[in-house]
Amino acid sequence: MKCPICKKDLEAGGPYAPFCSDRCRLIDLGNWASGKYCIPEKPGTPSSEDSVPGFADDEDQDREA
């Protein structure tokens, strides 16, 4: 098994698995936090930027009341 960050050989079940060290674990965490990694959306699924149907209408009605 190889560390996904530095590609160093490591034994399965080590204390930082699947990484070789705490340093590589933190590098990976930083990559996720900075947006370097992402999980692609499936085509046809609504994105988080799409509005929720009826939500804006509900707000407008509350303001008018």
N, C-alpha and C. Protein backbone atom coordinates (compact mmCIF):
# COMPACT_ATOMS: atom_id res chain seq x y z
N MET A 1 0.85 -1.17 0.00
CA MET A 1 0.00 0.00 0.00
C MET A 1 0.91 1.24 0.00
N LYS A 2 0.47 2.28 -0.72
CA LYS A 2 1.25 3.52 -0.79
C LYS A 2 0.44 4.68 -0.23
N CYS A 3 1.14 5.62 0.39
CA CYS A 3 0.51 6.83 0.92
C CYS A 3 -0.01 7.65 -0.28
N PRO A 4 -1.26 8.11 -0.25
CA PRO A 4 -1.80 8.87 -1.39
C PRO A 4 -1.16 10.25 -1.56
N ILE A 5 -0.46 10.75 -0.57
CA ILE A 5 0.16 12.07 -0.66
C ILE A 5 1.60 11.98 -1.15
N CYS A 6 2.45 11.23 -0.44
CA CYS A 6 3.88 11.19 -0.78
C CYS A 6 4.29 9.91 -1.53
N LYS A 7 3.37 8.98 -1.67
CA LYS A 7 3.60 7.71 -2.38
C LYS A 7 4.60 6.79 -1.69
N LYS A 8 4.89 7.03 -0.43
CA LYS A 8 5.80 6.18 0.34
C LYS A 8 5.09 4.86 0.66
N ASP A 9 5.84 3.74 0.58
CA ASP A 9 5.27 2.44 0.95
C ASP A 9 4.93 2.45 2.44
N LEU A 10 3.80 1.85 2.79
CA LEU A 10 3.43 1.75 4.19
C LEU A 10 2.71 0.44 4.45
N GLU A 11 2.69 0.07 5.69
CA GLU A 11 2.02 -1.17 6.07
C GLU A 11 0.54 -0.90 6.32
N ALA A 12 -0.28 -1.85 5.91
CA ALA A 12 -1.72 -1.72 6.11
C ALA A 12 -2.04 -1.73 7.60
N GLY A 13 -2.98 -0.92 8.01
CA GLY A 13 -3.39 -0.89 9.41
C GLY A 13 -2.49 -0.07 10.30
N GLY A 14 -1.63 0.75 9.72
CA GLY A 14 -0.75 1.61 10.52
C GLY A 14 -1.56 2.68 11.25
N PRO A 15 -0.93 3.39 12.17
CA PRO A 15 -1.66 4.35 12.99
C PRO A 15 -2.25 5.53 12.22
N TYR A 16 -1.70 5.85 11.03
CA TYR A 16 -2.21 6.97 10.25
C TYR A 16 -2.87 6.52 8.94
N ALA A 17 -3.11 5.22 8.79
CA ALA A 17 -3.67 4.67 7.56
C ALA A 17 -4.90 5.45 7.13
N PRO A 18 -5.02 5.74 5.87
CA PRO A 18 -4.23 5.27 4.73
C PRO A 18 -3.02 6.15 4.43
N PHE A 19 -2.62 7.01 5.34
CA PHE A 19 -1.46 7.87 5.16
C PHE A 19 -0.26 7.30 5.92
N CYS A 20 0.94 7.76 5.57
CA CYS A 20 2.14 7.26 6.24
C CYS A 20 2.44 8.03 7.53
N SER A 21 1.90 9.24 7.64
CA SER A 21 2.22 10.07 8.80
C SER A 21 1.11 11.08 9.05
N ASP A 22 1.20 11.73 10.21
CA ASP A 22 0.24 12.78 10.53
C ASP A 22 0.41 13.95 9.56
N ARG A 23 1.64 14.21 9.13
CA ARG A 23 1.90 15.29 8.18
C ARG A 23 1.11 15.08 6.89
N CYS A 24 1.17 13.88 6.31
CA CYS A 24 0.45 13.59 5.07
C CYS A 24 -1.07 13.64 5.30
N ARG A 25 -1.51 13.22 6.46
CA ARG A 25 -2.94 13.29 6.79
C ARG A 25 -3.40 14.73 6.80
N LEU A 26 -2.60 15.63 7.40
CA LEU A 26 -2.97 17.05 7.46
C LEU A 26 -2.88 17.72 6.09
N ILE A 27 -1.94 17.31 5.27
CA ILE A 27 -1.86 17.85 3.90
C ILE A 27 -3.14 17.50 3.15
N ASP A 28 -3.59 16.26 3.28
CA ASP A 28 -4.81 15.82 2.61
C ASP A 28 -6.02 16.62 3.12
N LEU A 29 -6.10 16.81 4.42
CA LEU A 29 -7.20 17.58 5.00
C LEU A 29 -7.18 19.02 4.45
N GLY A 30 -6.00 19.61 4.37
CA GLY A 30 -5.87 20.96 3.82
C GLY A 30 -6.30 21.03 2.36
N ASN A 31 -5.99 19.99 1.60
CA ASN A 31 -6.42 19.94 0.20
C ASN A 31 -7.94 19.95 0.08
N TRP A 32 -8.62 19.20 0.93
CA TRP A 32 -10.09 19.21 0.93
C TRP A 32 -10.62 20.58 1.34
N ALA A 33 -10.04 21.15 2.39
CA ALA A 33 -10.52 22.43 2.92
C ALA A 33 -10.32 23.58 1.93
N SER A 34 -9.25 23.52 1.13
CA SER A 34 -8.97 24.59 0.18
C SER A 34 -9.73 24.43 -1.13
N GLY A 35 -10.42 23.31 -1.30
CA GLY A 35 -11.18 23.09 -2.52
C GLY A 35 -10.39 22.44 -3.63
N LYS A 36 -9.17 21.96 -3.32
CA LYS A 36 -8.36 21.30 -4.34
C LYS A 36 -9.03 20.01 -4.81
N TYR A 37 -9.68 19.33 -3.91
CA TYR A 37 -10.43 18.12 -4.25
C TYR A 37 -11.91 18.48 -4.32
N CYS A 38 -12.63 17.80 -5.17
CA CYS A 38 -14.09 17.98 -5.20
C CYS A 38 -14.74 16.69 -5.68
N ILE A 39 -15.98 16.52 -5.33
CA ILE A 39 -16.76 15.38 -5.76
C ILE A 39 -17.69 15.89 -6.85
N PRO A 40 -17.55 15.39 -8.08
CA PRO A 40 -18.38 15.90 -9.17
C PRO A 40 -19.85 15.55 -8.98
N GLU A 41 -20.71 16.45 -9.45
CA GLU A 41 -22.15 16.21 -9.38
C GLU A 41 -22.56 15.33 -10.54
N LYS A 42 -23.62 14.56 -10.36
CA LYS A 42 -24.17 13.79 -11.45
C LYS A 42 -24.95 14.75 -12.34
N PRO A 43 -24.89 14.56 -13.66
CA PRO A 43 -25.67 15.42 -14.55
C PRO A 43 -27.16 15.34 -14.24
N GLY A 44 -27.82 16.48 -14.27
CA GLY A 44 -29.26 16.51 -14.04
C GLY A 44 -29.67 16.69 -12.60
N THR A 45 -28.71 16.74 -11.66
CA THR A 45 -29.06 16.97 -10.26
C THR A 45 -29.00 18.46 -9.98
N PRO A 46 -29.92 18.98 -9.18
CA PRO A 46 -29.89 20.41 -8.88
C PRO A 46 -28.65 20.77 -8.06
N SER A 47 -28.06 21.91 -8.35
CA SER A 47 -26.89 22.35 -7.60
C SER A 47 -27.33 23.14 -6.38
N SER A 48 -26.39 23.39 -5.49
CA SER A 48 -26.70 24.14 -4.28
C SER A 48 -27.06 25.59 -4.60
N GLU A 49 -26.68 26.06 -5.79
CA GLU A 49 -26.97 27.44 -6.18
C GLU A 49 -28.39 27.59 -6.70
N ASP A 50 -29.02 26.48 -7.09
CA ASP A 50 -30.40 26.56 -7.58
C ASP A 50 -31.32 26.91 -6.42
N SER A 51 -32.32 27.71 -6.71
CA SER A 51 -33.25 28.08 -5.65
C SER A 51 -34.22 26.94 -5.38
N VAL A 52 -34.72 26.90 -4.19
CA VAL A 52 -35.70 25.91 -3.80
C VAL A 52 -37.06 26.38 -4.32
N PRO A 53 -37.78 25.54 -5.07
CA PRO A 53 -39.06 25.99 -5.62
C PRO A 53 -40.01 26.47 -4.53
N GLY A 54 -40.57 27.63 -4.75
CA GLY A 54 -41.55 28.16 -3.81
C GLY A 54 -40.95 28.94 -2.66
N PHE A 55 -39.65 28.83 -2.44
CA PHE A 55 -39.04 29.50 -1.29
C PHE A 55 -39.10 31.00 -1.43
N ALA A 56 -38.71 31.53 -2.59
CA ALA A 56 -38.72 32.98 -2.80
C ALA A 56 -40.16 33.50 -2.75
N ASP A 57 -41.10 32.74 -3.28
CA ASP A 57 -42.49 33.16 -3.26
C ASP A 57 -43.00 33.28 -1.84
N ASP A 58 -42.62 32.33 -0.97
CA ASP A 58 -43.03 32.37 0.42
C ASP A 58 -42.50 33.61 1.11
N GLU A 59 -41.25 33.98 0.83
CA GLU A 59 -40.67 35.17 1.45
C GLU A 59 -41.40 36.42 1.01
N ASP A 60 -41.73 36.51 -0.29
CA ASP A 60 -42.42 37.68 -0.81
C ASP A 60 -43.80 37.82 -0.16
N GLN A 61 -44.49 36.71 0.05
CA GLN A 61 -45.81 36.76 0.68
C GLN A 61 -45.71 37.23 2.11
N ASP A 62 -44.64 36.80 2.83
CA ASP A 62 -44.46 37.21 4.22
C ASP A 62 -44.24 38.72 4.32
N ARG A 63 -43.51 39.28 3.36
CA ARG A 63 -43.23 40.71 3.38
C ARG A 63 -44.48 41.53 3.10
N GLU A 64 -45.35 41.01 2.23
CA GLU A 64 -46.56 41.74 1.88
C GLU A 64 -47.59 41.72 3.01
N ALA A 65 -47.53 40.72 3.84
CA ALA A 65 -48.56 40.55 4.90
C ALA A 65 -48.40 41.51 6.03
